[in-house]
């Protein structure tokens, strides 16, 4: 899968693999499945791995990537790892702490691409889907241009 046609060139000279492996797992699926599926994906040639804070699989995903590096299947620079900032962290002062939490869970030094997961901000805090007493989501007012500026 190292063909030049299987990557998209970026304006800074880097490239991103066209095909990515997503790691979202519904809560009713055992976490071991993401480990096995990601191992198979890397062995099959996937080099773009997509995850996010809210997927809650970063620890498992980091284990897989590190194990594939240790066994010599890939080098870290072979893996294009994408992660995402969750909606409760869109305030500019929360961007870096969220990224650092993800890196700590992954036990990796960097991700290659860090995206704003969803263009809506939710009330900051540990609850990923904060709700009021009526079960309605609690939104936050954040200028996403400020979030974006801080993350670049």
N, C-alpha and C. Protein backbone atom coordinates (compact mmCIF):
# COMPACT_ATOMS: atom_id res chain seq x y z
N UNK A 1 0.82 -1.20 0.00
CA UNK A 1 0.00 0.00 0.00
C UNK A 1 0.86 1.26 0.00
N UNK A 2 2.03 1.22 -0.53
CA UNK A 2 2.89 2.40 -0.53
C UNK A 2 2.85 3.15 -1.85
N UNK A 3 1.91 2.85 -2.70
CA UNK A 3 1.80 3.51 -3.99
C UNK A 3 1.51 4.99 -3.81
N UNK A 4 2.11 5.81 -4.70
CA UNK A 4 1.85 7.26 -4.63
C UNK A 4 0.39 7.57 -4.92
N UNK A 5 -0.32 6.66 -5.54
CA UNK A 5 -1.73 6.89 -5.85
C UNK A 5 -2.64 6.60 -4.67
N UNK A 6 -2.09 6.08 -3.62
CA UNK A 6 -2.90 5.76 -2.45
C UNK A 6 -2.72 6.78 -1.35
N UNK A 7 -2.10 7.90 -1.67
CA UNK A 7 -1.91 9.00 -0.74
C UNK A 7 -2.37 10.29 -1.40
N UNK A 8 -2.78 11.23 -0.60
CA UNK A 8 -3.11 12.55 -1.09
C UNK A 8 -2.03 13.50 -0.60
N UNK A 9 -1.42 14.22 -1.55
CA UNK A 9 -0.38 15.16 -1.19
C UNK A 9 -0.96 16.41 -0.54
N UNK A 10 -0.32 16.87 0.52
CA UNK A 10 -0.73 18.09 1.19
C UNK A 10 0.17 19.23 0.74
N UNK A 11 -0.27 20.47 0.94
CA UNK A 11 0.49 21.60 0.43
C UNK A 11 1.82 21.84 1.15
N UNK A 12 2.05 21.13 2.25
CA UNK A 12 3.33 21.28 2.96
C UNK A 12 4.32 20.18 2.60
N UNK A 13 3.99 19.35 1.62
CA UNK A 13 4.88 18.28 1.19
C UNK A 13 4.61 16.94 1.83
N UNK A 14 3.82 16.90 2.88
CA UNK A 14 3.44 15.65 3.52
C UNK A 14 2.30 15.00 2.73
N UNK A 15 1.98 13.77 3.08
CA UNK A 15 0.90 13.06 2.41
C UNK A 15 0.05 12.33 3.45
N UNK A 16 -1.20 12.16 3.10
CA UNK A 16 -2.11 11.44 3.98
C UNK A 16 -2.67 10.24 3.21
N UNK A 17 -2.67 9.07 3.82
CA UNK A 17 -3.24 7.91 3.13
C UNK A 17 -4.71 8.15 2.79
N UNK A 18 -5.12 7.76 1.59
CA UNK A 18 -6.50 7.98 1.15
C UNK A 18 -7.50 7.17 1.95
N UNK A 19 -7.12 6.00 2.33
CA UNK A 19 -8.03 5.09 3.02
C UNK A 19 -7.66 5.01 4.49
N UNK A 20 -8.62 5.29 5.35
CA UNK A 20 -8.37 5.25 6.78
C UNK A 20 -9.20 4.19 7.46
N UNK A 21 -8.70 3.73 8.61
CA UNK A 21 -9.40 2.74 9.41
C UNK A 21 -9.98 3.43 10.63
N UNK A 22 -11.31 3.45 10.73
CA UNK A 22 -12.00 4.09 11.85
C UNK A 22 -12.09 3.17 13.04
N UNK A 23 -11.98 3.74 14.24
CA UNK A 23 -11.93 2.92 15.45
C UNK A 23 -13.11 3.16 16.39
N UNK A 24 -14.19 3.77 15.89
CA UNK A 24 -15.36 3.93 16.74
C UNK A 24 -15.97 2.55 17.00
N UNK A 25 -16.31 2.29 18.26
CA UNK A 25 -16.90 1.02 18.65
C UNK A 25 -18.12 1.32 19.52
N UNK A 26 -19.33 0.83 19.13
CA UNK A 26 -20.50 1.03 19.99
C UNK A 26 -20.26 0.42 21.37
N UNK A 27 -20.91 0.97 22.38
CA UNK A 27 -20.69 0.53 23.76
C UNK A 27 -20.98 -0.95 23.97
N UNK A 28 -21.90 -1.50 23.20
CA UNK A 28 -22.25 -2.92 23.41
C UNK A 28 -21.22 -3.88 22.82
N UNK A 29 -20.24 -3.37 22.10
CA UNK A 29 -19.19 -4.21 21.51
C UNK A 29 -17.99 -4.23 22.47
N UNK A 30 -17.46 -5.41 22.79
CA UNK A 30 -16.30 -5.49 23.68
C UNK A 30 -15.09 -4.76 23.11
N UNK A 31 -14.36 -4.07 23.96
CA UNK A 31 -13.17 -3.30 23.55
C UNK A 31 -12.10 -4.18 22.90
N UNK A 32 -12.07 -5.45 23.26
CA UNK A 32 -11.09 -6.36 22.65
C UNK A 32 -11.26 -6.39 21.14
N UNK A 33 -12.48 -6.14 20.66
CA UNK A 33 -12.72 -6.17 19.22
C UNK A 33 -11.96 -5.06 18.49
N UNK A 34 -11.85 -3.88 19.11
CA UNK A 34 -11.10 -2.80 18.46
C UNK A 34 -9.62 -3.14 18.40
N UNK A 35 -9.14 -3.84 19.40
CA UNK A 35 -7.73 -4.26 19.40
C UNK A 35 -7.48 -5.22 18.25
N UNK A 36 -8.29 -6.25 18.16
CA UNK A 36 -8.11 -7.26 17.11
C UNK A 36 -8.33 -6.68 15.72
N UNK A 37 -9.36 -5.87 15.57
CA UNK A 37 -9.66 -5.28 14.26
C UNK A 37 -8.55 -4.35 13.81
N UNK A 38 -7.99 -3.57 14.73
CA UNK A 38 -6.92 -2.64 14.37
C UNK A 38 -5.65 -3.40 14.02
N UNK A 39 -5.35 -4.47 14.74
CA UNK A 39 -4.19 -5.30 14.40
C UNK A 39 -4.33 -5.83 12.97
N UNK A 40 -5.51 -6.34 12.67
CA UNK A 40 -5.77 -6.88 11.32
C UNK A 40 -5.65 -5.79 10.28
N UNK A 41 -6.19 -4.61 10.58
CA UNK A 41 -6.13 -3.49 9.63
C UNK A 41 -4.68 -3.10 9.33
N UNK A 42 -3.86 -2.99 10.37
CA UNK A 42 -2.45 -2.63 10.16
C UNK A 42 -1.75 -3.72 9.37
N UNK A 43 -2.00 -4.99 9.72
CA UNK A 43 -1.39 -6.10 8.99
C UNK A 43 -1.83 -6.11 7.52
N UNK A 44 -3.06 -5.66 7.26
CA UNK A 44 -3.59 -5.63 5.89
C UNK A 44 -3.06 -4.44 5.10
N UNK A 45 -2.39 -3.51 5.78
CA UNK A 45 -1.80 -2.39 5.07
C UNK A 45 -2.37 -1.02 5.37
N UNK A 46 -3.40 -0.95 6.21
CA UNK A 46 -3.92 0.36 6.59
C UNK A 46 -2.83 1.13 7.32
N UNK A 47 -2.65 2.39 6.94
CA UNK A 47 -1.68 3.24 7.61
C UNK A 47 -2.29 4.52 8.15
N UNK A 48 -3.52 4.76 7.82
CA UNK A 48 -4.25 5.90 8.39
C UNK A 48 -5.24 5.34 9.40
N UNK A 49 -5.03 5.68 10.66
CA UNK A 49 -5.89 5.22 11.74
C UNK A 49 -6.62 6.43 12.31
N UNK A 50 -7.94 6.32 12.42
CA UNK A 50 -8.78 7.42 12.89
C UNK A 50 -9.38 7.07 14.23
N UNK A 51 -9.22 7.97 15.20
CA UNK A 51 -9.80 7.78 16.51
C UNK A 51 -10.28 9.13 17.03
N UNK A 52 -10.79 9.14 18.25
CA UNK A 52 -11.27 10.38 18.86
C UNK A 52 -11.38 10.20 20.37
N UNK A 53 -11.29 11.30 21.06
CA UNK A 53 -11.45 11.30 22.52
C UNK A 53 -12.73 10.59 22.93
N UNK A 54 -13.82 10.92 22.27
CA UNK A 54 -15.13 10.40 22.65
C UNK A 54 -15.31 8.91 22.34
N UNK A 55 -14.48 8.34 21.49
CA UNK A 55 -14.60 6.91 21.18
C UNK A 55 -14.21 6.04 22.37
N UNK A 56 -13.41 6.60 23.26
CA UNK A 56 -12.98 5.90 24.47
C UNK A 56 -12.23 4.59 24.19
N UNK A 57 -11.42 4.61 23.14
CA UNK A 57 -10.60 3.44 22.81
C UNK A 57 -9.12 3.81 22.66
N UNK A 58 -8.76 5.01 23.11
CA UNK A 58 -7.39 5.47 22.88
C UNK A 58 -6.34 4.59 23.56
N UNK A 59 -6.62 4.14 24.77
CA UNK A 59 -5.65 3.28 25.45
C UNK A 59 -5.41 2.01 24.65
N UNK A 60 -6.49 1.37 24.22
CA UNK A 60 -6.39 0.13 23.45
C UNK A 60 -5.69 0.37 22.12
N UNK A 61 -6.05 1.46 21.46
CA UNK A 61 -5.45 1.78 20.17
C UNK A 61 -3.95 2.04 20.31
N UNK A 62 -3.57 2.78 21.34
CA UNK A 62 -2.16 3.02 21.59
C UNK A 62 -1.39 1.73 21.81
N UNK A 63 -2.01 0.78 22.54
CA UNK A 63 -1.37 -0.52 22.77
C UNK A 63 -1.10 -1.23 21.45
N UNK A 64 -2.09 -1.19 20.56
CA UNK A 64 -1.95 -1.87 19.27
C UNK A 64 -0.83 -1.23 18.46
N UNK A 65 -0.85 0.08 18.34
CA UNK A 65 0.16 0.77 17.54
C UNK A 65 1.56 0.51 18.11
N UNK A 66 1.69 0.63 19.43
CA UNK A 66 3.00 0.38 20.05
C UNK A 66 3.45 -1.07 19.84
N UNK A 67 2.52 -2.01 19.92
CA UNK A 67 2.90 -3.42 19.73
C UNK A 67 3.33 -3.68 18.29
N UNK A 68 2.67 -3.03 17.34
CA UNK A 68 3.05 -3.20 15.93
C UNK A 68 4.40 -2.56 15.64
N UNK A 69 4.71 -1.49 16.36
CA UNK A 69 6.02 -0.86 16.23
C UNK A 69 7.08 -1.77 16.83
N UNK A 70 6.81 -2.29 18.03
CA UNK A 70 7.78 -3.17 18.72
C UNK A 70 8.07 -4.44 17.94
N UNK A 71 7.06 -5.00 17.28
CA UNK A 71 7.29 -6.23 16.52
C UNK A 71 7.89 -5.95 15.14
N UNK A 72 8.04 -4.68 14.78
CA UNK A 72 8.69 -4.32 13.52
C UNK A 72 7.77 -4.26 12.32
N UNK A 73 6.47 -4.37 12.53
CA UNK A 73 5.52 -4.31 11.41
C UNK A 73 5.50 -2.92 10.79
N UNK A 74 5.54 -1.88 11.63
CA UNK A 74 5.52 -0.49 11.18
C UNK A 74 6.44 0.34 12.06
N UNK A 75 6.75 1.53 11.58
CA UNK A 75 7.40 2.55 12.39
C UNK A 75 6.31 3.58 12.69
N UNK A 76 6.46 4.36 13.74
CA UNK A 76 5.44 5.35 14.06
C UNK A 76 5.22 6.28 12.88
N UNK A 77 6.30 6.66 12.20
CA UNK A 77 6.14 7.57 11.07
C UNK A 77 5.39 6.95 9.89
N UNK A 78 5.20 5.62 9.88
CA UNK A 78 4.41 4.96 8.85
C UNK A 78 2.91 5.12 9.11
N UNK A 79 2.56 5.33 10.36
CA UNK A 79 1.15 5.45 10.76
C UNK A 79 0.74 6.91 10.75
N UNK A 80 -0.32 7.22 10.03
CA UNK A 80 -0.91 8.56 10.05
C UNK A 80 -2.08 8.48 11.00
N UNK A 81 -1.91 9.03 12.18
CA UNK A 81 -2.91 8.92 13.24
C UNK A 81 -3.71 10.21 13.36
N UNK A 82 -5.01 10.08 13.21
CA UNK A 82 -5.93 11.20 13.36
C UNK A 82 -6.69 11.04 14.67
N UNK A 83 -6.82 12.13 15.41
CA UNK A 83 -7.69 12.14 16.58
C UNK A 83 -8.51 13.41 16.54
N UNK A 84 -9.46 13.52 17.46
CA UNK A 84 -10.40 14.63 17.41
C UNK A 84 -10.67 15.22 18.78
N UNK A 85 -10.82 16.55 18.78
CA UNK A 85 -11.19 17.32 19.95
C UNK A 85 -12.69 17.18 20.17
N UNK A 86 -13.10 16.77 21.36
CA UNK A 86 -14.52 16.60 21.63
C UNK A 86 -15.19 17.94 21.96
N UNK A 87 -16.48 18.01 21.77
CA UNK A 87 -17.29 19.23 21.88
C UNK A 87 -17.24 19.90 23.25
N UNK A 88 -16.96 19.16 24.30
CA UNK A 88 -16.90 19.76 25.63
C UNK A 88 -15.54 20.42 25.89
N UNK A 89 -14.65 20.36 24.91
CA UNK A 89 -13.31 20.94 25.03
C UNK A 89 -13.06 22.03 23.99
N UNK A 90 -14.12 22.58 23.39
CA UNK A 90 -13.95 23.57 22.33
C UNK A 90 -13.47 24.93 22.81
N UNK A 91 -13.59 25.21 24.10
CA UNK A 91 -13.04 26.49 24.59
C UNK A 91 -11.53 26.47 24.35
N UNK A 92 -10.99 27.57 23.85
CA UNK A 92 -9.56 27.58 23.48
C UNK A 92 -8.62 27.09 24.58
N UNK A 93 -8.91 27.43 25.83
CA UNK A 93 -8.01 27.01 26.92
C UNK A 93 -8.11 25.51 27.22
N UNK A 94 -9.08 24.82 26.63
CA UNK A 94 -9.25 23.39 26.88
C UNK A 94 -8.69 22.51 25.76
N UNK A 95 -8.30 23.13 24.64
CA UNK A 95 -7.82 22.35 23.49
C UNK A 95 -6.56 21.56 23.86
N UNK A 96 -5.55 22.24 24.33
CA UNK A 96 -4.28 21.56 24.65
C UNK A 96 -4.47 20.49 25.73
N UNK A 97 -5.20 20.78 26.84
CA UNK A 97 -5.40 19.72 27.84
C UNK A 97 -6.09 18.48 27.27
N UNK A 98 -7.04 18.67 26.35
CA UNK A 98 -7.71 17.52 25.76
C UNK A 98 -6.74 16.72 24.89
N UNK A 99 -5.95 17.42 24.09
CA UNK A 99 -4.95 16.74 23.27
C UNK A 99 -3.96 15.99 24.15
N UNK A 100 -3.51 16.63 25.22
CA UNK A 100 -2.55 15.98 26.11
C UNK A 100 -3.16 14.74 26.79
N UNK A 101 -4.44 14.80 27.12
CA UNK A 101 -5.11 13.61 27.69
C UNK A 101 -5.12 12.47 26.68
N UNK A 102 -5.42 12.81 25.43
CA UNK A 102 -5.43 11.78 24.39
C UNK A 102 -4.04 11.18 24.19
N UNK A 103 -3.02 12.03 24.13
CA UNK A 103 -1.66 11.53 23.95
C UNK A 103 -1.24 10.64 25.12
N UNK A 104 -1.64 11.03 26.32
CA UNK A 104 -1.31 10.22 27.50
C UNK A 104 -1.98 8.85 27.41
N UNK A 105 -3.26 8.83 27.01
CA UNK A 105 -3.95 7.54 26.87
C UNK A 105 -3.33 6.70 25.77
N UNK A 106 -2.99 7.33 24.66
CA UNK A 106 -2.36 6.62 23.54
C UNK A 106 -0.94 6.18 23.88
N UNK A 107 -0.31 6.87 24.83
CA UNK A 107 1.10 6.69 25.17
C UNK A 107 1.98 6.90 23.93
N UNK A 108 1.63 7.96 23.19
CA UNK A 108 2.39 8.36 22.01
C UNK A 108 2.75 9.84 22.16
N UNK A 109 3.76 10.27 21.41
CA UNK A 109 4.22 11.66 21.51
C UNK A 109 3.43 12.63 20.66
N UNK A 110 2.78 12.12 19.62
CA UNK A 110 2.07 13.03 18.72
C UNK A 110 0.99 12.29 17.92
N UNK A 111 0.06 13.07 17.41
CA UNK A 111 -0.87 12.60 16.39
C UNK A 111 -0.56 13.42 15.14
N UNK A 112 -0.90 12.89 13.99
CA UNK A 112 -0.58 13.58 12.74
C UNK A 112 -1.63 14.61 12.35
N UNK A 113 -2.85 14.38 12.78
CA UNK A 113 -3.94 15.29 12.45
C UNK A 113 -4.87 15.35 13.65
N UNK A 114 -5.21 16.57 14.06
CA UNK A 114 -6.10 16.77 15.20
C UNK A 114 -7.23 17.67 14.74
N UNK A 115 -8.43 17.12 14.72
CA UNK A 115 -9.59 17.81 14.18
C UNK A 115 -10.56 18.24 15.27
N UNK A 116 -11.34 19.28 14.98
CA UNK A 116 -12.50 19.60 15.81
C UNK A 116 -13.55 18.57 15.42
N UNK A 117 -13.97 17.75 16.38
CA UNK A 117 -14.83 16.62 16.07
C UNK A 117 -16.17 17.02 15.46
N UNK A 118 -16.78 18.04 16.03
CA UNK A 118 -18.14 18.40 15.63
C UNK A 118 -18.28 19.91 15.83
N UNK A 119 -18.88 20.61 14.91
CA UNK A 119 -18.91 22.08 15.00
C UNK A 119 -19.96 22.64 15.95
N UNK A 120 -20.17 21.95 17.04
CA UNK A 120 -21.09 22.41 18.09
C UNK A 120 -20.37 22.25 19.42
N UNK A 121 -20.52 23.25 20.27
CA UNK A 121 -19.86 23.18 21.57
C UNK A 121 -20.86 22.81 22.65
N UNK A 122 -20.42 21.92 23.54
CA UNK A 122 -21.22 21.50 24.68
C UNK A 122 -20.57 22.01 25.96
N UNK A 123 -21.35 22.06 27.03
CA UNK A 123 -20.87 22.53 28.33
C UNK A 123 -19.61 21.77 28.72
N UNK A 124 -18.54 22.51 29.07
CA UNK A 124 -17.30 21.84 29.48
C UNK A 124 -17.51 21.00 30.74
N UNK A 125 -16.73 19.95 30.84
CA UNK A 125 -16.79 19.07 31.99
C UNK A 125 -16.48 17.64 31.60
N UNK A 126 -16.55 16.76 32.56
CA UNK A 126 -16.21 15.36 32.33
C UNK A 126 -17.30 14.58 31.60
N UNK A 127 -18.55 15.04 31.65
CA UNK A 127 -19.65 14.37 30.97
C UNK A 127 -19.57 14.70 29.49
N UNK A 128 -19.40 13.70 28.63
CA UNK A 128 -19.25 13.96 27.20
C UNK A 128 -20.55 14.41 26.54
N UNK A 129 -21.68 14.10 27.16
CA UNK A 129 -22.98 14.57 26.67
C UNK A 129 -23.74 15.22 27.84
N UNK A 130 -23.33 16.44 28.23
CA UNK A 130 -23.98 17.08 29.39
C UNK A 130 -25.44 17.40 29.09
N UNK A 131 -26.31 17.03 30.03
CA UNK A 131 -27.75 17.24 29.85
C UNK A 131 -28.34 17.96 31.05
N UNK A 132 -29.41 18.68 30.78
CA UNK A 132 -30.11 19.37 31.87
C UNK A 132 -31.12 18.42 32.52
N UNK A 133 -31.91 18.94 33.46
CA UNK A 133 -32.87 18.10 34.19
C UNK A 133 -33.96 17.53 33.30
N UNK A 134 -34.10 18.05 32.06
CA UNK A 134 -35.11 17.55 31.12
C UNK A 134 -34.51 16.61 30.08
N UNK A 135 -33.24 16.29 30.25
CA UNK A 135 -32.58 15.38 29.32
C UNK A 135 -32.11 16.04 28.04
N UNK A 136 -32.11 17.35 27.99
CA UNK A 136 -31.67 18.08 26.80
C UNK A 136 -30.19 18.42 26.93
N UNK A 137 -29.47 18.34 25.82
CA UNK A 137 -28.06 18.70 25.82
C UNK A 137 -27.86 20.14 26.26
N UNK A 138 -26.78 20.37 27.00
CA UNK A 138 -26.43 21.72 27.43
C UNK A 138 -25.31 22.22 26.52
N UNK A 139 -25.63 23.23 25.74
CA UNK A 139 -24.67 23.78 24.78
C UNK A 139 -23.82 24.87 25.43
N UNK A 140 -22.74 25.19 24.77
CA UNK A 140 -21.83 26.24 25.21
C UNK A 140 -21.63 27.18 24.03
N UNK A 141 -21.40 28.45 24.31
CA UNK A 141 -21.15 29.42 23.25
C UNK A 141 -19.65 29.61 23.12
N UNK A 142 -19.12 29.11 22.02
CA UNK A 142 -17.69 29.20 21.75
C UNK A 142 -17.51 29.62 20.30
N UNK A 143 -16.62 30.56 20.06
CA UNK A 143 -16.28 30.94 18.69
C UNK A 143 -15.28 29.90 18.19
N UNK A 144 -15.73 29.05 17.27
CA UNK A 144 -14.86 27.97 16.79
C UNK A 144 -13.64 28.49 16.04
N UNK A 145 -13.69 29.75 15.59
CA UNK A 145 -12.49 30.35 14.99
C UNK A 145 -11.39 30.46 16.04
N UNK A 146 -11.77 30.77 17.28
CA UNK A 146 -10.79 30.83 18.37
C UNK A 146 -10.24 29.44 18.69
N UNK A 147 -11.12 28.45 18.68
CA UNK A 147 -10.69 27.06 18.91
C UNK A 147 -9.71 26.64 17.82
N UNK A 148 -10.07 26.91 16.58
CA UNK A 148 -9.25 26.54 15.43
C UNK A 148 -7.90 27.24 15.48
N UNK A 149 -7.91 28.54 15.79
CA UNK A 149 -6.67 29.32 15.84
C UNK A 149 -5.70 28.74 16.86
N UNK A 150 -6.21 28.34 18.01
CA UNK A 150 -5.35 27.80 19.05
C UNK A 150 -4.78 26.44 18.65
N UNK A 151 -5.55 25.68 17.88
CA UNK A 151 -5.10 24.33 17.57
C UNK A 151 -4.18 24.27 16.35
N UNK A 152 -3.95 25.39 15.69
CA UNK A 152 -3.08 25.36 14.51
C UNK A 152 -1.65 25.67 14.87
